[in-house]
Protein backbone atom coordinates (compact mmCIF):
# COMPACT_ATOMS: atom_id res chain seq x y z
CA MET A 1 0.03 0.06 -0.14
CA ARG A 2 1.64 3.22 -0.72
CA VAL A 3 1.41 6.09 1.53
CA GLN A 4 1.23 9.92 -0.16
CA VAL A 5 3.29 11.82 2.14
CA THR A 6 2.48 15.61 2.11
CA ASP A 7 5.44 18.38 2.59
CA TYR A 8 4.04 21.20 5.03
CA ARG A 9 7.39 23.10 4.61
CA ASN A 10 6.28 24.30 1.21
CA ILE A 11 2.44 25.14 2.53
CA LYS A 12 2.51 28.44 3.55
CA MET A 13 0.88 29.37 6.76
CA PRO A 14 -0.70 32.53 7.82
CA ASN A 15 0.43 35.01 10.54
CA LEU A 16 -3.17 35.85 11.41
CA GLU A 17 -5.22 32.89 13.01
CA HIS A 18 -8.59 33.17 13.63
CA PRO A 19 -11.20 29.97 14.36
CA ALA A 20 -13.94 31.50 12.65
CA TYR A 21 -12.10 31.83 9.28
CA PRO A 22 -10.14 29.32 6.91
CA ALA A 23 -6.61 30.23 6.40
CA ALA A 24 -7.21 30.83 2.81
CA THR A 25 -8.91 33.52 3.61
CA LEU A 26 -6.31 34.98 6.21
CA LEU A 27 -3.78 34.34 3.89
CA GLN A 28 -5.38 36.79 0.80
CA LEU A 29 -6.10 38.79 3.66
CA GLU A 30 -2.57 39.65 5.22
CA SER A 31 -0.97 39.87 1.61
CA LEU A 32 -3.50 42.56 1.21
CA VAL A 33 -2.17 44.52 4.48
CA PRO A 34 1.42 44.14 4.14
CA CYS A 35 2.52 45.94 7.92
CA ARG A 36 -0.10 46.04 9.33
CA GLU A 37 -0.37 42.24 10.95
CA SER A 38 -0.22 43.06 14.42
CA GLN A 39 -3.05 45.70 14.01
CA VAL A 40 -5.23 43.32 12.10
CA SER A 41 -4.23 40.46 14.50
CA LEU A 42 -5.75 42.38 17.07
CA LEU A 43 -8.88 44.09 15.43
CA LEU A 44 -10.06 40.20 14.66
CA SER A 45 -10.09 39.25 18.27
CA ILE A 46 -12.05 42.07 19.44
CA PHE A 47 -14.21 41.33 16.23
CA GLY A 48 -14.65 37.95 17.88
CA GLU A 49 -16.96 35.16 15.22
CA ARG A 50 -19.82 36.56 13.75
CA HIS A 51 -22.48 36.13 15.93
CA HIS A 52 -20.56 37.78 18.78
CA PHE A 53 -21.28 40.74 20.61
CA SER A 54 -18.13 43.15 19.49
CA PHE A 55 -16.60 45.97 21.34
CA PRO A 56 -19.92 48.92 21.14
CA SER A 57 -17.51 51.25 19.69
CA ILE A 58 -13.28 51.42 18.87
CA PHE A 59 -11.71 54.72 17.80
CA ILE A 60 -8.86 54.00 15.10
CA TYR A 61 -5.96 57.16 15.26
CA GLY A 62 -2.85 57.44 13.13
CA HIS A 63 -1.75 60.56 10.83
CA THR A 64 -2.54 60.85 7.57
CA SER A 65 -1.68 57.19 4.82
CA SER A 66 -0.96 55.38 7.66
CA GLY A 67 -3.53 52.81 6.83
CA LYS A 68 -6.69 53.66 8.64
CA THR A 69 -9.10 53.56 5.76
CA TYR A 70 -7.79 50.77 3.47
CA VAL A 71 -7.18 48.60 6.26
CA MET A 72 -10.48 48.72 7.32
CA GLN A 73 -12.01 48.77 3.82
CA THR A 74 -10.08 45.73 3.30
CA LEU A 75 -10.45 43.60 6.36
CA LEU A 76 -14.15 43.99 6.54
CA SER A 77 -14.81 43.24 2.48
CA THR A 78 -12.03 40.17 2.33
CA LEU A 79 -14.15 38.71 5.38
CA GLN A 80 -17.12 39.29 3.87
CA LEU A 81 -18.86 41.15 7.12
CA PRO A 82 -21.74 43.51 6.92
CA HIS A 83 -20.98 47.41 7.29
CA VAL A 84 -21.36 50.64 6.41
CA PHE A 85 -18.69 53.20 5.27
CA VAL A 86 -19.40 56.66 5.19
CA ASN A 87 -17.25 59.90 5.17
CA CYS A 88 -18.15 62.71 7.75
CA VAL A 89 -16.46 65.15 5.45
CA GLU A 90 -18.70 64.44 2.42
CA CYS A 91 -21.38 64.19 5.23
CA PHE A 92 -20.88 67.34 6.85
CA THR A 93 -24.44 67.86 9.04
CA SER A 94 -26.04 65.22 10.98
CA ARG A 95 -28.66 64.37 8.98
CA LEU A 96 -26.74 63.99 5.87
CA LEU A 97 -24.39 61.71 7.98
CA LEU A 98 -28.01 60.07 9.35
CA GLU A 99 -29.28 58.96 6.28
CA GLU A 100 -26.33 57.89 4.45
CA ILE A 101 -25.96 55.45 6.91
CA LEU A 102 -29.44 54.28 6.53
CA THR A 103 -29.45 54.17 3.11
CA GLN A 104 -26.11 51.88 3.06
CA LEU A 105 -27.71 49.87 5.16
CA GLN A 106 -31.11 49.14 2.70
CA SER A 107 -28.19 47.69 0.61
CA CYS A 108 -26.46 45.48 3.11
CA SER A 109 -30.04 42.87 3.31
CA PRO A 110 -31.47 41.88 0.20
CA GLU A 111 -35.09 41.33 1.65
CA THR A 112 -35.27 45.55 2.88
CA GLU A 113 -37.22 47.25 0.27
CA LYS A 114 -35.47 50.04 -0.97
CA THR A 115 -37.20 53.30 -0.62
CA SER A 116 -36.48 56.17 -2.83
CA GLN A 117 -35.33 58.42 0.04
CA VAL A 118 -34.53 57.81 3.70
CA HIS A 119 -35.80 60.93 5.91
CA CYS A 120 -34.27 61.20 9.11
CA ASP A 121 -34.09 64.87 11.23
CA THR A 122 -33.09 63.47 14.82
CA PHE A 123 -31.00 60.96 16.37
CA ASN A 124 -34.39 59.33 17.99
CA ASP A 125 -35.43 58.68 14.44
CA PHE A 126 -32.12 57.48 13.07
CA VAL A 127 -32.20 54.40 16.28
CA ARG A 128 -36.05 53.84 15.12
CA LEU A 129 -35.29 53.58 11.64
CA PHE A 130 -31.80 51.68 12.29
CA LYS A 131 -33.97 49.43 14.20
CA GLN A 132 -36.39 48.52 11.25
CA ALA A 133 -33.32 48.39 9.29
CA VAL A 134 -31.72 45.49 10.82
CA ALA A 135 -34.66 43.47 11.66
CA THR A 136 -34.08 40.83 8.88
CA GLN A 137 -32.36 37.34 9.88
CA GLU A 138 -29.76 38.01 8.01
CA LEU A 139 -28.32 40.94 10.08
CA GLN A 140 -29.81 39.98 13.26
CA ASP A 141 -27.33 36.99 13.05
CA GLN A 142 -24.32 38.75 12.91
CA THR A 143 -22.46 42.02 13.82
CA LEU A 144 -22.66 45.11 11.71
CA TYR A 145 -19.85 47.20 11.85
CA ILE A 146 -20.66 51.02 11.10
CA VAL A 147 -17.28 52.75 10.06
CA LEU A 148 -16.87 56.75 10.62
CA ASP A 149 -13.78 57.64 8.47
CA ARG A 150 -12.54 61.48 9.07
CA ALA A 151 -14.38 60.92 12.40
CA GLU A 152 -12.97 64.70 13.77
CA GLN A 153 -15.49 66.02 11.45
CA LEU A 154 -18.11 64.85 14.20
CA ARG A 155 -16.96 67.33 16.42
CA GLU A 156 -18.57 69.91 14.95
CA MET A 157 -22.30 68.49 14.60
CA GLU A 158 -24.85 68.58 17.28
CA ALA A 159 -23.70 67.64 21.33
CA ASN A 160 -25.47 64.55 20.92
CA ILE A 161 -24.14 62.90 17.88
CA LEU A 162 -20.49 61.36 19.08
CA PRO A 163 -21.87 60.48 22.69
CA ALA A 164 -25.02 58.74 21.00
CA PHE A 165 -22.83 56.41 18.33
CA LEU A 166 -20.66 55.53 21.24
CA ARG A 167 -23.79 54.16 23.05
CA LEU A 168 -25.60 52.94 19.87
CA GLN A 169 -25.33 49.03 20.81
CA GLU A 170 -27.06 49.87 23.70
CA LEU A 171 -29.77 52.38 22.57
CA THR A 172 -30.79 49.88 19.66
CA ASP A 173 -30.16 46.45 21.55
CA ARG A 174 -28.91 45.20 18.67
CA ASN A 175 -25.27 43.79 17.90
CA VAL A 176 -23.58 46.54 15.91
CA THR A 177 -20.00 48.34 16.95
CA VAL A 178 -19.00 51.93 15.71
CA ILE A 179 -15.62 52.32 14.24
CA LEU A 180 -13.87 55.73 14.48
CA LEU A 181 -11.35 56.15 11.71
CA SER A 182 -9.50 60.05 12.60
CA GLU A 183 -6.13 61.71 12.25
CA ILE A 184 -6.27 63.20 15.85
CA VAL A 185 -6.10 61.54 19.47
CA TRP A 186 -8.93 60.61 21.47
CA GLU A 187 -8.03 63.15 24.29
CA LEU A 188 -9.43 66.19 21.77
CA PHE A 189 -12.96 63.99 21.19
CA ARG A 190 -13.89 63.74 24.53
CA PRO A 191 -16.58 65.75 25.83
CA ASN A 192 -16.52 67.86 28.80
CA THR A 193 -19.65 66.46 30.17
CA GLY A 194 -18.37 62.39 29.60
CA CYS A 195 -19.30 59.84 27.10
CA PHE A 196 -18.62 56.15 27.01
CA GLU A 197 -14.96 55.50 26.49
CA PRO A 198 -14.42 53.28 23.08
CA PHE A 199 -11.49 51.45 22.61
CA ALA A 200 -8.26 53.22 21.48
CA LEU A 201 -6.42 51.24 18.70
CA TYR A 202 -3.26 53.66 17.68
CA PHE A 203 -1.88 53.26 13.95
CA PRO A 204 1.80 54.37 13.32
CA ASP A 205 3.40 55.39 10.82
CA TYR A 206 5.30 53.34 8.21
CA SER A 207 9.19 53.32 8.50
CA ILE A 208 11.22 53.52 5.58
CA GLY A 209 11.46 49.65 5.70
CA HIS A 210 7.75 49.45 5.69
CA LEU A 211 7.65 51.60 3.08
CA GLN A 212 10.01 49.84 0.60
CA LYS A 213 8.28 46.56 1.11
CA ILE A 214 4.69 48.15 0.18
CA LEU A 215 6.43 49.94 -2.50
CA SER A 216 7.95 47.11 -3.57
CA GLN A 217 4.95 44.89 -4.60
CA ASN A 218 4.11 47.25 -6.97
CA HIS A 219 6.82 46.30 -9.99
CA PRO A 220 6.10 46.17 -13.41
CA PRO A 221 6.00 42.56 -14.97
CA GLU A 222 8.55 43.41 -17.40
CA TYR A 223 11.39 43.71 -14.85
CA SER A 224 12.64 41.95 -12.35
CA ALA A 225 11.06 42.53 -8.58
CA ASP A 226 15.20 43.53 -7.58
CA PHE A 227 15.23 46.05 -10.34
CA TYR A 228 12.12 47.55 -9.33
CA SER A 229 13.47 47.19 -5.11
CA ALA A 230 16.78 49.07 -6.25
CA TYR A 231 14.69 52.16 -8.00
CA ILE A 232 12.30 52.19 -4.41
CA ASN A 233 15.00 52.47 -2.42
CA ILE A 234 16.68 55.57 -4.52
CA LEU A 235 13.37 57.07 -4.59
CA LEU A 236 13.02 56.71 -0.74
CA GLY A 237 16.55 57.59 -0.42
CA VAL A 238 15.72 61.02 -2.28
CA PHE A 239 11.92 62.10 -0.58
CA TYR A 240 11.94 59.88 2.69
CA ASN A 241 13.30 63.25 4.57
CA VAL A 242 10.51 65.11 3.08
CA CYS A 243 7.39 63.18 2.27
CA ARG A 244 6.53 60.11 4.31
CA ASP A 245 3.10 59.77 2.63
CA LEU A 246 2.35 56.34 1.14
CA LYS A 247 -0.03 57.81 -1.40
CA GLU A 248 2.57 60.70 -2.70
CA LEU A 249 4.95 58.06 -2.70
CA GLN A 250 3.38 55.76 -4.69
CA HIS A 251 2.39 58.85 -7.13
CA LEU A 252 5.90 59.83 -7.30
CA ALA A 253 6.91 55.77 -8.08
CA ALA A 254 4.74 55.49 -10.82
CA LEU A 255 5.52 58.87 -12.44
CA ASN A 256 9.36 58.65 -12.48
CA PHE A 257 9.99 54.65 -12.86
CA SER A 258 9.66 55.46 -16.83
CA LYS A 259 12.81 57.69 -16.60
CA TYR A 260 14.28 55.42 -14.33
CA CYS A 261 14.46 52.50 -16.89
CA GLU A 262 15.34 54.72 -19.80
CA PRO A 263 18.91 53.36 -20.17
CA VAL A 264 18.28 49.87 -19.68
CA ALA A 265 15.28 50.60 -22.71
CA ARG A 266 17.97 52.04 -25.28
CA GLY A 267 20.63 49.33 -24.04
CA GLU A 268 22.91 51.61 -22.45
CA ALA A 269 23.30 49.94 -18.98
CA ASN A 270 22.03 46.77 -17.92
CA GLU A 271 19.65 46.37 -14.64
CA ARG A 272 22.67 46.41 -12.70
CA ASP A 273 24.53 49.43 -13.65
CA SER A 274 23.09 51.49 -10.53
CA ARG A 275 25.63 54.75 -11.69
CA LYS A 276 24.36 55.26 -14.77
CA LEU A 277 20.70 54.18 -13.58
CA TRP A 278 21.06 57.05 -10.61
CA LYS A 279 22.88 59.71 -13.00
CA ASN A 280 20.20 59.50 -15.66
CA ILE A 281 17.01 59.79 -12.88
CA GLU A 282 18.81 62.17 -10.61
CA PRO A 283 17.88 65.50 -12.00
CA HIS A 284 14.25 64.18 -12.65
CA LEU A 285 13.82 63.42 -8.55
CA LYS A 286 15.49 66.51 -7.91
CA LYS A 287 12.42 68.68 -9.90
CA ALA A 288 10.06 66.51 -8.95
CA MET A 289 10.71 67.21 -4.95
CA GLN A 290 9.68 70.76 -5.64
CA THR A 291 6.20 69.77 -6.55
CA VAL A 292 5.61 67.23 -3.94
CA TYR A 293 1.90 67.30 -2.85
CA LEU A 294 1.38 70.22 -4.98
CA ARG A 295 -0.37 68.51 -7.93
CA GLU A 296 0.45 71.34 -10.11
CA ILE A 297 0.64 69.37 -13.25
CA SER A 298 -1.03 66.04 -14.29
CA SER A 299 0.97 62.85 -14.91
CA SER A 300 0.20 63.14 -18.47
CA GLN A 301 1.41 66.46 -18.65
CA TRP A 302 4.47 65.67 -16.59
CA GLU A 303 5.58 63.22 -19.47
CA HIS A 304 4.81 65.61 -22.04
CA LEU A 305 7.31 67.76 -20.00
CA GLN A 306 10.10 65.04 -19.97
CA ARG A 307 9.82 64.42 -23.36
CA ASP A 308 10.20 67.99 -24.20
CA ASP A 309 13.58 68.05 -21.99
CA GLU A 310 14.74 65.40 -24.58
CA GLU A 311 14.41 67.36 -27.39
CA LEU A 312 15.82 70.38 -25.88
CA GLY A 313 18.62 68.72 -24.33
CA GLN A 314 17.99 70.50 -20.99
CA LEU A 315 15.50 70.12 -18.18
CA LYS A 316 13.00 72.82 -17.88
CA GLY A 317 11.63 73.95 -14.63
CA LEU A 318 8.31 71.79 -13.98
CA SER A 319 7.31 73.55 -11.07
CA ALA A 320 4.01 76.00 -11.76
CA HIS A 321 5.81 78.15 -9.53
CA THR A 322 8.49 79.74 -11.74
CA HIS A 323 5.15 80.71 -14.08
CA VAL A 324 3.10 81.90 -11.43
CA GLU A 325 0.12 84.60 -12.93
CA LEU A 326 -0.15 87.51 -10.46
CA PRO A 327 -1.36 90.95 -11.17
CA TYR A 328 1.07 93.66 -12.70
CA TYR A 329 1.37 95.46 -9.53
CA SER A 330 1.40 92.20 -7.38
CA LYS A 331 4.81 91.44 -9.66
CA PHE A 332 6.36 94.59 -8.64
CA LEU A 333 5.29 94.41 -4.94
CA LEU A 334 7.12 90.75 -4.90
CA ILE A 335 10.53 92.54 -6.38
CA ALA A 336 10.62 95.37 -4.56
CA ALA A 337 10.14 92.88 -1.26
CA TYR A 338 13.08 90.60 -2.68
CA LEU A 339 15.02 93.51 -3.01
CA ALA A 340 14.49 94.69 0.56
CA SER A 341 14.99 91.30 2.09
CA TYR A 342 18.44 90.94 0.73
CA ASN A 343 20.02 94.32 0.19
CA PRO A 344 21.50 96.11 2.84
CA VAL A 345 18.88 99.38 4.07
CA ARG A 346 21.97 101.92 3.32
CA THR A 347 21.96 100.74 -0.20
CA ASP A 348 18.79 101.96 -0.90
CA LYS A 349 20.16 105.68 -2.01
CA ARG A 350 22.58 103.50 -4.05
CA PHE A 351 20.19 101.60 -6.20
CA PHE A 352 16.76 103.49 -6.32
CA LEU A 353 17.52 107.72 -5.43
CA LYS A 354 18.51 109.19 -8.97
CA HIS A 355 21.58 111.79 -8.81
CA HIS A 356 22.65 109.48 -5.94
CA GLY A 357 26.70 109.85 -7.49
CA LYS A 358 29.00 107.18 -7.66
CA ILE A 359 29.29 105.32 -4.87
CA ARG A 360 31.61 102.27 -5.35
CA LYS A 361 30.75 98.92 -2.86
CA THR A 362 33.93 98.56 -1.18
CA ASN A 363 33.58 102.03 0.64
CA PHE A 364 30.78 100.94 2.38
CA MET A 365 30.89 97.51 2.96
CA LYS A 366 32.12 96.38 6.65
CA LYS A 367 33.41 93.60 7.65
CA HIS A 368 30.63 91.08 8.60
CA GLU A 369 28.84 91.90 5.03
CA LYS A 370 31.55 90.21 3.32
CA THR A 371 29.03 87.29 3.43
CA SER A 372 26.50 87.19 0.74
CA ASN A 373 23.20 88.21 2.21
CA HIS A 374 21.68 85.40 0.50
CA LEU A 375 23.64 83.00 1.87
CA LEU A 376 22.38 84.93 5.49
CA GLY A 377 19.11 84.49 4.22
CA PRO A 378 15.79 87.35 3.70
CA LYS A 379 15.73 90.17 6.65
CA PRO A 380 12.42 91.43 7.84
CA PHE A 381 11.72 95.17 6.32
CA PRO A 382 8.44 97.37 7.37
CA LEU A 383 5.82 98.69 4.94
CA ASP A 384 7.22 101.79 4.23
CA ARG A 385 10.36 100.90 2.71
CA LEU A 386 8.31 97.92 0.75
CA LEU A 387 6.71 100.48 -0.58
CA ALA A 388 9.49 103.09 -1.33
CA ILE A 389 11.06 100.63 -3.39
CA LEU A 390 8.12 99.98 -5.24
CA TYR A 391 7.63 103.80 -6.48
CA SER A 392 11.41 103.67 -6.97
CA ILE A 393 11.53 100.65 -9.50
CA VAL A 394 7.55 101.18 -11.13
CA ASP A 395 7.64 103.37 -14.31
CA ASN A 396 4.54 105.58 -13.69
CA ARG A 397 3.25 106.64 -10.51
CA VAL A 398 1.53 103.95 -8.12
CA ALA A 399 -0.84 105.85 -5.43
CA PRO A 400 -1.20 103.84 -1.97
CA THR A 401 -4.71 102.63 -2.48
CA ALA A 402 -6.25 100.32 -0.80
CA ASN A 403 -5.55 97.97 -3.69
CA ILE A 404 -2.47 98.19 -3.16
CA PHE A 405 -2.36 96.88 0.27
CA SER A 406 -4.94 94.05 -0.50
CA GLN A 407 -2.34 92.87 -2.84
CA ILE A 408 0.27 92.34 -0.08
CA THR A 409 -2.25 90.76 1.99
CA SER A 410 -2.77 88.39 -1.35
CA LEU A 411 1.30 87.75 -1.21
CA VAL A 412 1.24 86.80 2.43
CA THR A 413 -2.12 84.16 1.55
CA LEU A 414 -0.20 82.88 -1.15
CA GLN A 415 3.11 82.28 1.22
CA LEU A 416 5.41 84.33 -1.42
CA LEU A 417 5.62 87.02 1.79
CA SER A 418 5.47 86.09 5.20
CA THR A 419 4.55 88.30 8.40
CA VAL A 420 6.99 89.13 11.29
CA GLY A 421 6.40 89.59 14.78
CA HIS A 422 3.24 90.31 16.13
CA ASN A 423 0.28 92.09 14.96
CA ASP A 424 0.04 94.41 17.90
CA GLN A 425 3.57 96.53 16.67
CA LEU A 426 2.81 100.03 17.03
CA ASP A 427 5.75 100.72 14.48
CA GLY A 428 3.91 99.10 11.46
CA PRO A 429 3.80 95.64 9.89
CA ARG A 430 7.37 93.97 8.89
CA TYR A 431 7.59 91.24 6.07
CA LYS A 432 10.36 88.88 4.69
CA CYS A 433 10.05 87.83 1.20
CA THR A 434 10.22 83.72 1.01
CA VAL A 435 10.90 83.16 -2.49
CA SER A 436 13.66 81.95 -4.41
CA LEU A 437 15.91 83.59 -6.76
CA ASP A 438 15.44 81.68 -9.61
CA PHE A 439 11.65 82.45 -8.57
CA ILE A 440 11.64 86.25 -8.69
CA ARG A 441 14.00 86.09 -11.84
CA ALA A 442 11.30 84.45 -13.19
CA VAL A 443 8.46 86.91 -12.36
CA ALA A 444 10.98 89.61 -13.50
CA ARG A 445 10.89 88.71 -16.66
CA THR A 446 7.68 88.98 -17.21
CA VAL A 447 7.53 92.56 -16.72
CA ASN A 448 11.03 93.37 -18.33
CA PHE A 449 12.68 94.01 -14.88
CA ASP A 450 16.51 93.20 -14.14
CA VAL A 451 16.43 92.29 -11.01
CA ILE A 452 20.08 90.99 -10.82
CA LYS A 453 21.24 95.05 -11.32
CA TYR A 454 19.47 96.30 -8.24
CA LEU A 455 21.06 93.33 -5.84
CA TYR A 456 23.85 94.05 -3.64
CA ASP A 457 25.38 90.69 -4.16
CA PHE A 458 25.79 91.25 -7.64
CA LEU A 459 27.04 94.55 -7.54
């Protein structure tokens, strides 16, 4: 008799364990939520089996892009648990929020008759309609999960909404768990009058090792996993200090990969020639760093600009800030602010006063001014000096109207200028210009103004 022996070493067992779900389902869930196994394992322990009463309310918090929303959606969908998922930013009033939950509840049970519109004005009405919606046998035999994403918006609603959701299981006497997802800690939620304390679960930020593992999973099939992993390593080496948002890094990885593998596609290098690959991608990653989070151009426009760069043999500035559209006088205000920030005060006579005579730079240079003002950074200046320089560099007469002052406020709002000091200063407001030299040169070219001619460092 021949006995068949199974080699269990080749069978991959999931790290997640739960008696209510098959190993294949847990293995699939584990592959979908990398680097969040401990949080998912804890949630499975809290949920228990389908028919068990779970914790009445769970509060999950962590920074942006730490996987809170994605993990909850994947967990509930993969295990096929009945749930309602609502974004509190979209449902910005209590009525919209309650009606959206009831509308989604209708689709959870096929036995429920779907009405055209659910009307719910108060939480008392919600409790009554909720009991009717979960009266079907299918929803009574298992836990229903209500997930409220961006739950910090609940603080802006009526005072009874948050405490009522935390005790919804008690108020309805049904097997329901409310899960709150937020970017702020529970201490900023807790009402002064007190409320039921939810179970708090923290999602930490992804480490650089976690980001490397997650991003490397999306490698194109035409390239090896090691080649794409090396590219992700380079990408994280450039962007990790300024950007740790997983979504933004995924966008940057997809956007720049075609440029990284260009030498391989042209046959100029192989997948292991890291030096040539880095030399090819380095200037493009530096340009991409200027537009992190901004979404100033679409992906197709980025690719089009990269093709233009190849034709012209040079790299264009991709940031839309170099082509910023400002009103005519706002451009001169910004130029005047830059000159006031980087020129010493006593040089204003040299640059902006007619018939000042010949003043040699060495005659009024002090020892501490041998260092470039651009290396020292921008210096604050008062409003009257800004307006004096503005009147000097503009050809025609500019009256100090409210329009000019409102444009200064707009430049501060755009963060092209920053306010220095407090608003209660008696000697008037002081400002500082925050833009770079390349930026101000680009703005000056649009009004045919030679800004270099008026900078003390370039005399």
